[in-house]
Amino acid sequence: MSATSDLRDEVIELARELIRVDTSNPPGNESAAARHLGAFLADAGIEAELVGPDPDRLNLVARIEGRGEGPSLMLMAHTDVVPAPPEGWSTGPFDATVRDGRLIGRGATDMKNELAARAVAFAALARAGEQPSGDVFFVAESDEERNVSDVGMSWLARERPDLRCDYAINEGGGVLLELEGGAKVVTVSVGEKQVTGLRVRVFGTAGHASVPSAENAVGYAADAIRLLLDNQPPVTSTPAVERAMDALGAPPGPVEERIEWGRGRHPILAGMLPAMAAMTVTPTGTGTYEPSNVMPPYADVICDCRALPGQDEADVRAHVAATLGDRVAYELELLEPLAGGTESPIDTPLYEELERYVSDRVPGARLLPLVSTGFTDSHWIREAFGTVAYGFAPVIHGDPMAYLDAAHADDEAIELDDLAEMAEFHLRVLQAPPRIAAARS
């Protein structure tokens, strides 16, 4: 199966148009992208809503009503992107340049590619005039990259209970990995770790910088950073981890040995598997809040923290305490409560449909269910609605390393063949609910 010429041209053009709408977050300004999508859907006869608490950061919501015979399905994608300083880019970050069979621009992989593919498939379903067996939603949400303003999916999940759906497809998987030894797997995200930010405030003795002292809070902060980097928590056996190792074909044994075996199957798995199986605490910034001629009384070390599903604040504090001990005087603050940590089952009709797709498009390949080390908006609808949400958009033509490394990077890019594949995949899923409904009954 290959994307039709019309579908391919349409998704490439829409993706380019969306990239040209600068929705860098901060500040976001996602309403411009929502309005552009609304006009695109209107051309297909679809009426969409622009909703949200901030007029500059609106979400788009659209629905194609089903016959009520099958499950409801949501296609979701965020409209914001991370900032793109032009230094380091070979083209303008928002020029949406097509070169050497690739689309280059901020959002080309995260995630105006998937946003365009889902919008195009949704419009194609409407144009076909075939009523789906169940309701189909298309949601383009704001503020996923930072999620500090409560204007995107967190707001929608709370304020729009009418968006409750059985299934959802979001970002986080679909990448083909050709493993050492010849086996092939295609990733699918079935959950995510919990996330929070940490402030480790390290104390020293204040004084004049012209008289150096060993009791320098900045020096202690440097010690704390090195300790946190060098003493990551051990990997933990969880059902999700063991299931992933089984899908890879890892020999039975202790989880540490299975993960070490899996790390050697593909460079992408080398870092992904340990991070999936352990809490991570990663220093990402520092601050002292004093002029340069003052040795500060304290220095802050800011960390990204990703905890496993089921872990809590006590586990985070225990790890930091075990790592820093009495080697530095510190206080620990969680900058926000742990959020996320949800997971969807894989014994579902939609998962079976993904398996059929993989089997058809990549003969001999199998799905590799992973708990994402990152964070997605799937968390909100799993918690609010009990939705079964998977991260999947096929990347089966281009180099998977190049694709994954491009997110948030200079010259972010996607192969045009993969962009077209994404549109065709989503249209296939939208046309599959009768089969899904039959499997469900």
Protein backbone atom coordinates (compact mmCIF):
# COMPACT_ATOMS: atom_id res chain seq x y z
CA MET A 1 0.00 0.00 0.00
CA SER A 2 1.35 3.44 -0.88
CA ALA A 3 -0.15 6.86 -0.35
CA THR A 4 -2.24 8.08 -3.24
CA SER A 5 -0.84 11.04 -5.14
CA ASP A 6 -3.63 13.35 -3.96
CA LEU A 7 -3.25 12.38 -0.30
CA ARG A 8 0.52 12.73 -0.50
CA ASP A 9 0.38 16.17 -2.09
CA GLU A 10 -2.24 17.35 0.38
CA VAL A 11 -0.42 16.27 3.53
CA ILE A 12 2.88 17.75 2.34
CA GLU A 13 1.24 21.06 1.54
CA LEU A 14 -0.71 21.22 4.83
CA ALA A 15 2.38 20.32 6.85
CA ARG A 16 4.32 23.11 5.15
CA GLU A 17 1.53 25.59 5.81
CA LEU A 18 1.37 24.62 9.48
CA ILE A 19 5.14 24.90 9.93
CA ARG A 20 4.99 28.42 8.52
CA VAL A 21 2.61 29.35 11.35
CA ASP A 22 5.05 30.15 14.17
CA THR A 23 3.58 28.60 17.32
CA SER A 24 6.76 28.61 19.37
CA ASN A 25 5.96 27.98 23.02
CA PRO A 26 6.48 30.30 24.78
CA PRO A 27 4.39 32.23 24.00
CA GLY A 28 2.41 29.75 21.87
CA ASN A 29 -0.09 31.79 19.83
CA GLU A 30 -1.61 28.48 18.77
CA SER A 31 -4.90 30.11 17.74
CA ALA A 32 -3.36 30.96 14.38
CA ALA A 33 -2.72 27.27 13.68
CA ALA A 34 -6.17 26.32 14.95
CA ARG A 35 -7.79 28.83 12.61
CA HIS A 36 -5.75 27.53 9.67
CA LEU A 37 -6.86 23.98 10.43
CA GLY A 38 -10.45 25.15 10.81
CA ALA A 39 -10.39 26.65 7.31
CA PHE A 40 -8.82 23.47 5.92
CA LEU A 41 -11.53 21.29 7.48
CA ALA A 42 -14.28 23.68 6.33
CA ASP A 43 -13.21 23.04 2.73
CA ALA A 44 -14.01 19.36 3.40
CA GLY A 45 -17.43 20.25 4.80
CA ILE A 46 -16.41 19.83 8.44
CA GLU A 47 -17.49 22.36 11.03
CA ALA A 48 -14.88 22.79 13.77
CA GLU A 49 -14.90 24.61 17.10
CA LEU A 50 -12.14 26.83 18.43
CA VAL A 51 -12.28 26.58 22.21
CA GLY A 52 -10.22 27.39 25.27
CA PRO A 53 -9.76 29.89 28.08
CA ASP A 54 -7.15 32.02 26.27
CA PRO A 55 -8.17 33.63 22.96
CA ASP A 56 -4.56 33.52 21.76
CA ARG A 57 -4.15 29.82 22.57
CA LEU A 58 -7.31 28.13 21.34
CA ASN A 59 -7.76 24.43 20.64
CA LEU A 60 -9.55 22.99 17.61
CA VAL A 61 -12.20 20.33 18.12
CA ALA A 62 -14.08 18.59 15.29
CA ARG A 63 -16.30 15.51 15.10
CA ILE A 64 -17.65 13.21 12.42
CA GLU A 65 -20.71 11.53 13.84
CA GLY A 66 -20.79 7.76 13.63
CA ARG A 67 -23.61 5.27 13.31
CA GLY A 68 -23.31 4.26 16.97
CA GLU A 69 -22.30 0.69 16.11
CA GLY A 70 -18.62 0.86 16.98
CA PRO A 71 -16.18 2.50 19.36
CA SER A 72 -15.31 6.17 19.25
CA LEU A 73 -11.84 7.25 18.17
CA MET A 74 -9.89 10.46 18.71
CA LEU A 75 -7.03 11.67 16.53
CA MET A 76 -5.03 14.15 18.58
CA ALA A 77 -1.97 16.32 17.99
CA HIS A 78 -0.55 19.47 19.54
CA THR A 79 -0.13 22.68 17.61
CA ASP A 80 2.71 24.26 19.61
CA VAL A 81 6.42 23.73 18.98
CA VAL A 82 9.57 24.47 20.94
CA PRO A 83 11.44 27.71 20.08
CA ALA A 84 13.82 27.61 17.11
CA PRO A 85 16.72 30.06 17.30
CA PRO A 86 17.89 30.37 13.67
CA GLU A 87 21.58 29.85 14.48
CA GLY A 88 22.56 26.37 13.36
CA TRP A 89 19.76 25.99 10.80
CA SER A 90 20.62 25.69 7.12
CA THR A 91 17.27 27.23 6.25
CA GLY A 92 14.72 29.37 8.06
CA PRO A 93 13.10 27.31 10.86
CA PHE A 94 9.65 28.37 9.69
CA ASP A 95 10.28 28.38 5.94
CA ALA A 96 9.08 24.76 5.54
CA THR A 97 11.76 23.97 2.99
CA VAL A 98 11.52 20.82 0.89
CA ARG A 99 14.98 19.55 -0.01
CA ASP A 100 16.37 16.14 -1.01
CA GLY A 101 13.08 14.38 -0.36
CA ARG A 102 12.67 15.85 3.13
CA LEU A 103 10.55 18.57 4.72
CA ILE A 104 12.68 20.79 6.98
CA GLY A 105 11.25 23.10 9.63
CA ARG A 106 10.34 23.44 13.27
CA GLY A 107 7.62 20.89 13.95
CA ALA A 108 8.53 18.61 11.06
CA THR A 109 8.91 15.74 13.54
CA ASP A 110 7.30 17.21 16.69
CA MET A 111 4.59 17.31 15.64
CA LYS A 112 3.11 19.28 12.77
CA ASN A 113 3.85 16.23 10.64
CA GLU A 114 1.38 14.08 12.60
CA LEU A 115 -0.97 17.05 12.99
CA ALA A 116 -1.16 17.42 9.21
CA ALA A 117 -1.45 13.68 8.60
CA ARG A 118 -4.36 13.32 11.00
CA ALA A 119 -6.13 16.39 9.66
CA VAL A 120 -5.78 15.19 6.06
CA ALA A 121 -7.06 11.70 6.91
CA PHE A 122 -9.96 13.18 8.87
CA ALA A 123 -10.88 15.40 5.92
CA ALA A 124 -10.56 12.51 3.47
CA LEU A 125 -13.01 10.47 5.56
CA ALA A 126 -15.50 13.33 5.48
CA ARG A 127 -15.14 13.82 1.73
CA ALA A 128 -15.76 10.12 1.13
CA GLY A 129 -19.21 10.55 2.63
CA GLU A 130 -19.03 7.23 4.47
CA GLN A 131 -20.37 7.49 8.00
CA PRO A 132 -18.02 5.67 10.38
CA SER A 133 -19.34 3.04 12.74
CA GLY A 134 -18.46 5.19 15.76
CA ASP A 135 -17.82 8.87 16.38
CA VAL A 136 -14.45 10.15 15.19
CA PHE A 137 -12.90 13.21 16.84
CA PHE A 138 -10.06 15.39 15.67
CA VAL A 139 -8.45 17.49 18.39
CA ALA A 140 -5.57 19.91 17.83
CA GLU A 141 -4.52 21.05 21.29
CA SER A 142 -2.26 23.84 22.52
CA ASP A 143 0.48 24.02 25.19
CA GLU A 144 1.74 20.44 25.08
CA GLU A 145 5.41 21.37 25.05
CA ARG A 146 5.28 23.22 28.39
CA ASN A 147 1.81 22.51 29.83
CA VAL A 148 2.07 25.27 32.40
CA SER A 149 -0.90 27.42 31.37
CA ASP A 150 -3.80 24.93 31.58
CA VAL A 151 -5.10 25.96 28.16
CA GLY A 152 -4.66 22.74 26.18
CA MET A 153 -5.56 19.11 26.77
CA SER A 154 -5.62 19.47 30.55
CA TRP A 155 -8.37 22.08 30.11
CA LEU A 156 -10.22 20.09 27.44
CA ALA A 157 -10.24 16.91 29.54
CA ARG A 158 -11.76 18.83 32.43
CA GLU A 159 -14.14 21.19 30.62
CA ARG A 160 -15.27 19.08 27.65
CA PRO A 161 -16.61 15.73 28.88
CA ASP A 162 -18.31 15.34 25.48
CA LEU A 163 -14.86 14.44 24.12
CA ARG A 164 -14.88 11.17 26.02
CA CYS A 165 -13.80 8.44 23.61
CA ASP A 166 -12.92 4.75 23.62
CA TYR A 167 -9.64 5.04 21.70
CA ALA A 168 -7.12 7.68 20.76
CA ILE A 169 -4.03 7.90 18.58
CA ASN A 170 -1.34 10.36 19.56
CA GLU A 171 2.43 10.84 19.27
CA GLY A 172 5.22 8.67 20.63
CA GLY A 173 5.72 5.61 18.42
CA GLY A 174 5.63 4.05 14.97
CA VAL A 175 9.38 3.96 14.32
CA LEU A 176 10.79 0.93 12.49
CA LEU A 177 13.92 -0.53 14.09
CA GLU A 178 15.97 -3.15 12.28
CA LEU A 179 17.61 -5.06 15.10
CA GLU A 180 20.96 -6.73 15.39
CA GLY A 181 20.40 -10.24 14.07
CA GLY A 182 17.83 -9.26 11.44
CA ALA A 183 14.57 -8.98 13.40
CA LYS A 184 12.37 -5.94 12.90
CA VAL A 185 10.13 -4.12 15.36
CA VAL A 186 7.94 -1.04 15.13
CA THR A 187 7.53 0.92 18.34
CA VAL A 188 4.19 1.85 19.86
CA SER A 189 3.82 3.97 22.97
CA VAL A 190 1.32 2.49 25.41
CA GLY A 191 2.05 4.73 28.40
CA GLU A 192 4.41 7.25 29.87
CA LYS A 193 6.46 7.86 32.97
CA GLN A 194 5.60 10.49 35.53
CA VAL A 195 7.28 13.87 35.27
CA THR A 196 8.13 16.72 37.60
CA GLY A 197 10.82 19.33 38.07
CA LEU A 198 13.11 19.45 41.10
CA ARG A 199 14.89 22.31 42.80
CA VAL A 200 17.85 21.13 44.85
CA ARG A 201 18.93 24.13 46.92
CA VAL A 202 22.53 23.64 48.04
CA PHE A 203 23.87 25.74 50.92
CA GLY A 204 27.27 27.29 51.54
CA THR A 205 28.67 30.29 53.38
CA ALA A 206 28.07 33.78 52.01
CA GLY A 207 31.01 36.13 51.70
CA HIS A 208 32.98 38.49 49.53
CA ALA A 209 34.15 36.80 46.34
CA SER A 210 37.56 38.46 46.60
CA VAL A 211 38.36 36.18 49.55
CA PRO A 212 37.72 32.63 48.20
CA SER A 213 36.35 30.05 50.59
CA ALA A 214 35.99 26.31 50.34
CA GLU A 215 32.45 26.69 51.69
CA ASN A 216 31.24 27.95 48.32
CA ALA A 217 27.64 27.06 47.50
CA VAL A 218 28.45 27.04 43.79
CA GLY A 219 31.16 24.46 44.35
CA TYR A 220 28.79 22.36 46.41
CA ALA A 221 26.23 22.66 43.62
CA ALA A 222 28.83 21.34 41.18
CA ASP A 223 29.41 18.41 43.53
CA ALA A 224 25.67 17.76 43.71
CA ILE A 225 25.36 17.82 39.92
CA ARG A 226 28.14 15.29 39.49
CA LEU A 227 26.69 13.02 42.18
CA LEU A 228 23.23 13.13 40.59
CA LEU A 229 24.63 12.39 37.15
CA ASP A 230 26.82 9.52 38.35
CA ASN A 231 24.26 7.83 40.61
CA GLN A 232 21.11 7.15 38.65
CA PRO A 233 18.56 4.78 40.23
CA PRO A 234 18.79 1.10 39.29
CA VAL A 235 16.51 -0.45 36.69
CA THR A 236 13.31 -1.99 38.03
CA SER A 237 11.31 -4.93 36.77
CA THR A 238 7.76 -3.91 35.88
CA PRO A 239 5.14 -5.69 33.77
CA ALA A 240 5.62 -3.11 31.01
CA VAL A 241 9.39 -3.57 31.00
CA GLU A 242 9.17 -7.36 30.94
CA ARG A 243 6.58 -7.23 28.15
CA ALA A 244 8.86 -5.04 26.05
CA MET A 245 11.77 -7.40 26.61
CA ASP A 246 9.60 -10.36 25.61
CA ALA A 247 8.62 -8.54 22.39
CA LEU A 248 12.30 -8.01 21.63
CA GLY A 249 13.00 -11.69 22.18
CA ALA A 250 15.27 -11.19 25.19
CA PRO A 251 16.29 -14.39 26.97
CA PRO A 252 14.67 -15.00 30.37
CA GLY A 253 16.59 -13.76 33.37
CA PRO A 254 17.04 -10.82 35.73
CA VAL A 255 15.76 -7.54 34.36
CA GLU A 256 19.24 -6.01 34.41
CA GLU A 257 20.55 -8.74 32.13
CA ARG A 258 17.55 -8.56 29.82
CA ILE A 259 17.90 -4.80 29.42
CA GLU A 260 21.63 -5.10 28.78
CA TRP A 261 20.85 -7.66 26.08
CA GLY A 262 18.20 -5.37 24.57
CA ARG A 263 20.55 -2.38 24.54
CA GLY A 264 22.77 -4.23 22.10
CA ARG A 265 19.99 -4.85 19.61
CA HIS A 266 19.81 -1.25 18.32
CA PRO A 267 21.47 2.11 19.13
CA ILE A 268 18.08 3.69 19.85
CA LEU A 269 17.34 1.02 22.45
CA ALA A 270 20.71 1.53 24.14
CA GLY A 271 19.48 4.62 25.96
CA MET A 272 15.73 4.11 25.75
CA LEU A 273 15.45 0.79 27.61
CA PRO A 274 17.35 1.80 30.78
CA ALA A 275 15.44 5.09 30.94
CA MET A 276 12.14 3.24 30.53
CA ALA A 277 12.97 0.93 33.45
CA ALA A 278 14.24 3.43 36.05
CA MET A 279 13.57 6.77 37.63
CA THR A 280 15.80 9.43 36.09
CA VAL A 281 16.99 12.67 37.69
CA THR A 282 18.82 14.90 35.23
CA PRO A 283 20.34 18.27 36.20
CA THR A 284 19.31 20.84 33.59
CA GLY A 285 20.11 24.25 35.07
CA THR A 286 21.60 26.30 37.91
CA GLY A 287 21.06 29.67 39.55
CA THR A 288 22.51 31.80 42.37
CA TYR A 289 20.62 35.11 42.21
CA GLU A 290 23.64 37.13 43.45
CA PRO A 291 26.05 39.59 41.74
CA SER A 292 29.39 38.23 40.63
CA ASN A 293 31.31 39.71 43.56
CA VAL A 294 29.28 37.81 46.18
CA MET A 295 29.75 34.20 47.21
CA PRO A 296 26.08 33.25 47.53
CA PRO A 297 24.57 31.60 50.60
CA TYR A 298 22.96 29.01 48.35
CA ALA A 299 22.82 27.82 44.76
CA ASP A 300 19.93 26.06 43.03
CA VAL A 301 20.28 22.99 40.86
CA ILE A 302 17.22 22.46 38.65
CA CYS A 303 16.52 18.88 37.56
CA ASP A 304 14.16 17.05 35.29
CA CYS A 305 12.71 14.03 37.07
CA ARG A 306 10.93 11.10 35.40
CA ALA A 307 9.50 8.55 37.81
CA LEU A 308 8.11 5.13 37.02
CA PRO A 309 4.35 4.55 37.18
CA GLY A 310 3.53 3.76 40.81
CA GLN A 311 6.43 5.71 42.30
CA ASP A 312 5.68 8.79 44.40
CA GLU A 313 7.30 11.84 45.97
CA ALA A 314 8.75 9.73 48.77
CA ASP A 315 10.64 7.64 46.20
CA VAL A 316 12.07 10.80 44.60
CA ARG A 317 13.19 12.18 47.95
CA ALA A 318 14.68 8.85 48.95
CA HIS A 319 16.79 8.72 45.80
CA VAL A 320 18.11 12.27 46.22
CA ALA A 321 18.85 11.61 49.90
CA ALA A 322 20.71 8.40 49.09
CA THR A 323 22.69 10.19 46.38
CA LEU A 324 23.64 13.38 48.21
CA GLY A 325 23.57 12.07 51.79
CA ASP A 326 25.48 14.37 54.11
CA ARG A 327 28.03 15.31 51.46
CA VAL A 328 26.21 18.61 50.81
CA ALA A 329 23.64 20.54 52.82
CA TYR A 330 20.51 20.88 50.70
CA GLU A 331 16.76 21.28 50.56
CA LEU A 332 14.62 19.55 47.91
CA GLU A 333 11.48 21.04 46.40
CA LEU A 334 9.23 19.49 43.75
CA LEU A 335 8.39 22.33 41.39
CA GLU A 336 5.09 20.68 40.52
CA PRO A 337 3.33 17.47 41.57
CA LEU A 338 4.25 14.30 39.74
CA ALA A 339 1.99 14.00 36.71
CA GLY A 340 1.47 11.21 34.20
CA GLY A 341 2.33 7.60 34.81
CA THR A 342 -0.66 6.23 32.92
CA GLU A 343 -0.67 3.15 30.72
CA SER A 344 -3.12 1.53 28.30
CA PRO A 345 -3.63 -2.23 27.87
CA ILE A 346 -2.56 -3.90 24.64
CA ASP A 347 -5.25 -6.59 24.45
CA THR A 348 -7.55 -4.28 22.47
CA PRO A 349 -9.00 -4.22 18.97
CA LEU A 350 -7.12 -1.04 18.09
CA TYR A 351 -3.82 -2.64 19.05
CA GLU A 352 -4.75 -5.58 16.81
CA GLU A 353 -5.36 -3.11 13.98
CA LEU A 354 -1.89 -1.66 14.51
CA GLU A 355 -0.48 -5.18 14.38
CA ARG A 356 -2.27 -5.80 11.08
CA TYR A 357 -0.91 -2.58 9.64
CA VAL A 358 2.67 -3.43 10.67
CA SER A 359 2.34 -6.94 9.27
CA ASP A 360 1.06 -5.59 5.95
CA ARG A 361 3.58 -2.79 5.54
CA VAL A 362 6.69 -4.38 7.05
CA PRO A 363 6.41 -8.15 6.58
CA GLY A 364 7.98 -10.04 9.45
CA ALA A 365 7.99 -7.06 11.82
CA ARG A 366 6.19 -7.01 15.14
CA LEU A 367 5.02 -4.26 17.46
CA LEU A 368 7.26 -3.25 20.36
CA PRO A 369 5.09 -1.77 23.16
CA LEU A 370 7.02 0.82 25.15
CA VAL A 371 6.35 3.13 28.06
CA SER A 372 7.53 6.49 26.79
CA THR A 373 10.36 8.15 28.66
CA GLY A 374 8.84 11.48 27.66
CA PHE A 375 5.42 12.96 28.35
CA THR A 376 2.43 13.31 26.08
CA ASP A 377 -1.12 14.61 26.30
CA SER A 378 -2.42 11.03 26.24
CA HIS A 379 -2.08 11.16 30.01
CA TRP A 380 -4.97 13.60 30.36
CA ILE A 381 -7.55 11.57 28.46
CA ARG A 382 -6.51 8.27 30.02
CA GLU A 383 -7.08 9.78 33.44
CA ALA A 384 -10.24 11.77 32.64
CA PHE A 385 -12.02 9.38 30.30
CA GLY A 386 -10.40 5.97 30.67
CA THR A 387 -9.43 6.22 27.00
CA VAL A 388 -7.13 3.59 25.51
CA ALA A 389 -4.48 5.81 23.94
CA TYR A 390 -1.51 4.74 21.83
CA GLY A 391 1.33 6.76 20.37
CA PHE A 392 1.81 5.71 16.75
CA ALA A 393 2.66 7.40 13.46
CA PRO A 394 4.67 5.25 11.02
CA VAL A 395 8.28 6.10 10.25
CA ILE A 396 9.25 3.15 8.08
CA HIS A 397 11.09 4.72 5.14
CA GLY A 398 13.71 7.07 6.57
CA ASP A 399 16.56 6.63 9.03
CA PRO A 400 14.99 6.23 12.50
CA MET A 401 18.03 7.70 14.27
CA ALA A 402 17.92 10.82 12.11
CA TYR A 403 14.18 11.17 12.67
CA LEU A 404 14.29 10.86 16.45
CA ASP A 405 17.39 13.03 16.81
CA ALA A 406 15.72 15.78 14.77
CA ALA A 407 13.02 16.56 17.34
CA HIS A 408 13.72 19.93 19.00
CA ALA A 409 16.99 20.14 17.04
CA ASP A 410 18.36 22.33 14.26
CA ASP A 411 17.19 21.37 10.76
CA GLU A 412 14.33 19.28 12.16
CA ALA A 413 13.12 17.19 9.21
CA ILE A 414 10.99 14.29 8.03
CA GLU A 415 11.18 12.19 4.88
CA LEU A 416 8.30 13.04 2.55
CA ASP A 417 7.64 9.32 2.09
CA ASP A 418 7.07 8.94 5.83
CA LEU A 419 4.81 11.99 5.93
CA ALA A 420 2.69 10.48 3.16
CA GLU A 421 2.74 7.11 4.95
CA MET A 422 1.36 8.75 8.07
CA ALA A 423 -1.61 10.17 6.20
CA GLU A 424 -2.39 6.84 4.55
CA PHE A 425 -2.08 4.98 7.87
CA HIS A 426 -4.53 7.26 9.64
CA LEU A 427 -7.06 7.03 6.83
CA ARG A 428 -6.76 3.23 7.00
CA VAL A 429 -7.50 3.27 10.74
CA LEU A 430 -10.47 5.60 10.27
CA GLN A 431 -11.91 3.22 7.71
CA ALA A 432 -11.28 0.18 9.90
CA PRO A 433 -13.76 0.65 12.81
CA PRO A 434 -16.22 -2.01 11.50
CA ARG A 435 -13.39 -4.54 11.85
CA ILE A 436 -12.45 -3.07 15.23
CA ALA A 437 -16.07 -3.21 16.36
CA ALA A 438 -16.34 -6.84 15.33
CA ALA A 439 -13.23 -7.70 17.31
CA ARG A 440 -14.60 -5.81 20.29
CA SER A 441 -17.97 -7.55 20.44
